[in-house]
């Protein structure tokens, strides 16, 4: 399963950005999906996840209330809507897919996910 992210950009603090993740040729309805991010010099950290059914979402405390994860009706794209962006949100954002349907019972963990995209750069700066 190849995952492709898009939507990364340079944005000012307080601004918004929407990231997308697709798997060309596949639908994502059989996978729990997640977004992770990695800032320079830091470990990869969880951002958010959504269950394969779409009925469960979870967020890291640092983004809760500002970011929203969703999928489209055809389950071909996973989105991450990011509002009220802060400089500390600057990172490479990667989406990931898990074969397990138990990978979004809480804040997602790296080890739970089987497939990864290359990532898209988000820079929050004035």
Protein backbone atom coordinates (compact mmCIF):
# COMPACT_ATOMS: atom_id res chain seq x y z
CA UNK A 1 0.00 0.00 0.00
CA UNK A 2 1.61 3.25 -1.13
CA UNK A 3 0.51 6.39 0.66
CA UNK A 4 0.88 9.86 -0.82
CA UNK A 5 0.54 13.04 1.20
CA UNK A 6 -0.04 16.53 -0.12
CA UNK A 7 -0.92 19.99 1.10
CA UNK A 8 2.13 20.97 3.08
CA UNK A 9 3.15 24.62 2.85
CA UNK A 10 4.52 27.67 4.62
CA UNK A 11 1.81 29.35 6.68
CA UNK A 12 1.75 32.17 9.18
CA UNK A 13 1.00 31.59 12.86
CA UNK A 14 -2.72 31.48 13.43
CA UNK A 15 -3.34 30.27 9.91
CA UNK A 16 -4.93 27.10 8.59
CA UNK A 17 -3.85 24.29 6.33
CA UNK A 18 -5.40 21.06 5.09
CA UNK A 19 -3.34 17.97 4.40
CA UNK A 20 -4.50 15.03 2.27
CA UNK A 21 -3.43 11.41 2.11
CA UNK A 22 -4.39 8.97 -0.63
CA UNK A 23 -3.42 5.46 -1.67
CA UNK A 24 -3.58 5.41 -5.47
CA UNK A 25 -5.63 2.46 -6.68
CA UNK A 26 -6.90 1.59 -3.22
CA UNK A 27 -9.64 2.60 -0.85
CA UNK A 28 -8.73 3.14 2.77
CA UNK A 29 -11.86 1.75 4.38
CA UNK A 30 -10.10 -1.41 5.54
CA UNK A 31 -7.40 0.43 7.46
CA UNK A 32 -7.10 2.48 10.59
CA UNK A 33 -5.39 5.67 9.46
CA UNK A 34 -3.20 8.15 11.31
CA UNK A 35 -1.13 11.27 10.96
CA UNK A 36 2.26 11.57 12.60
CA UNK A 37 4.79 14.39 12.51
CA UNK A 38 8.51 14.77 13.01
CA UNK A 39 10.27 18.04 13.69
CA UNK A 40 14.02 18.45 13.12
CA UNK A 41 15.99 16.83 15.91
CA UNK A 42 12.92 15.31 17.50
CA UNK A 43 11.28 11.92 17.51
CA UNK A 44 8.24 11.14 15.40
CA UNK A 45 5.09 11.89 17.36
CA UNK A 46 1.44 11.06 16.96
CA UNK A 47 -0.98 13.70 15.79
CA UNK A 48 -4.30 11.97 15.19
CA UNK A 49 -5.97 8.80 14.00
CA UNK A 50 -9.31 7.64 12.60
CA UNK A 51 -10.69 4.13 12.70
CA UNK A 52 -11.47 2.16 9.55
CA UNK A 53 -15.19 2.73 10.15
CA UNK A 54 -14.62 6.44 10.62
CA UNK A 55 -16.48 6.28 13.89
CA UNK A 56 -13.51 6.77 16.20
CA UNK A 57 -11.01 9.60 16.18
CA UNK A 58 -8.23 10.41 18.63
CA UNK A 59 -5.88 13.36 18.97
CA UNK A 60 -2.65 14.20 20.72
CA UNK A 61 -3.20 16.70 23.48
CA UNK A 62 -1.08 19.31 21.72
CA UNK A 63 -3.45 19.47 18.73
CA UNK A 64 -6.82 18.66 20.27
CA UNK A 65 -9.34 21.35 19.46
CA UNK A 66 -7.22 22.73 16.62
CA UNK A 67 -6.83 19.78 14.23
CA UNK A 68 -9.54 17.58 12.71
CA UNK A 69 -9.04 14.24 10.97
CA UNK A 70 -11.63 13.01 8.49
CA UNK A 71 -12.18 10.88 5.42
CA UNK A 72 -14.24 11.44 2.31
CA UNK A 73 -17.36 9.38 1.66
CA UNK A 74 -15.59 7.12 -0.81
CA UNK A 75 -12.86 6.43 1.78
CA UNK A 76 -10.18 7.25 -0.71
CA UNK A 77 -8.68 10.26 1.04
CA UNK A 78 -7.82 11.04 4.64
CA UNK A 79 -7.64 14.69 5.57
CA UNK A 80 -6.03 16.61 8.40
CA UNK A 81 -7.52 20.07 8.83
CA UNK A 82 -5.16 22.19 10.89
CA UNK A 83 -6.35 25.48 12.37
CA UNK A 84 -4.75 28.02 14.70
CA UNK A 85 -1.33 26.83 13.65
CA UNK A 86 1.65 27.55 15.89
CA UNK A 87 5.37 27.62 15.13
CA UNK A 88 5.74 24.44 17.19
CA UNK A 89 3.52 22.65 14.66
CA UNK A 90 6.36 22.91 12.15
CA UNK A 91 7.30 19.39 11.07
CA UNK A 92 7.15 16.82 8.31
CA UNK A 93 3.68 15.30 8.48
CA UNK A 94 3.25 11.69 7.41
CA UNK A 95 0.17 9.57 7.09
CA UNK A 96 0.15 5.92 8.02
CA UNK A 97 -2.17 2.94 7.62
CA UNK A 98 -2.64 -0.02 9.94
CA UNK A 99 -3.89 -3.46 9.01
CA UNK A 100 -5.19 -3.77 12.55
CA UNK A 101 -8.64 -2.40 13.35
CA UNK A 102 -7.43 -1.66 16.90
CA UNK A 103 -4.79 0.95 16.03
CA UNK A 104 -6.98 3.92 16.93
CA UNK A 105 -8.26 2.94 20.35
CA UNK A 106 -6.25 5.82 21.78
CA UNK A 107 -3.55 8.22 20.66
CA UNK A 108 -1.81 6.22 17.90
CA UNK A 109 1.62 4.68 18.30
CA UNK A 110 4.21 4.28 15.56
CA UNK A 111 4.54 0.53 16.06
CA UNK A 112 0.86 -0.02 15.32
CA UNK A 113 1.11 1.19 11.72
CA UNK A 114 2.28 -0.87 8.77
CA UNK A 115 2.40 1.51 5.82
CA UNK A 116 3.87 5.01 5.65
CA UNK A 117 3.94 7.89 3.23
CA UNK A 118 6.98 10.01 2.47
CA UNK A 119 5.63 13.03 4.27
CA UNK A 120 4.83 16.64 3.49
CA UNK A 121 6.51 19.68 5.03
CA UNK A 122 4.49 22.09 7.13
CA UNK A 123 6.25 25.26 8.22
CA UNK A 124 4.56 27.75 10.50
CA UNK A 125 6.46 31.01 10.53
CA UNK A 126 5.95 34.73 10.10
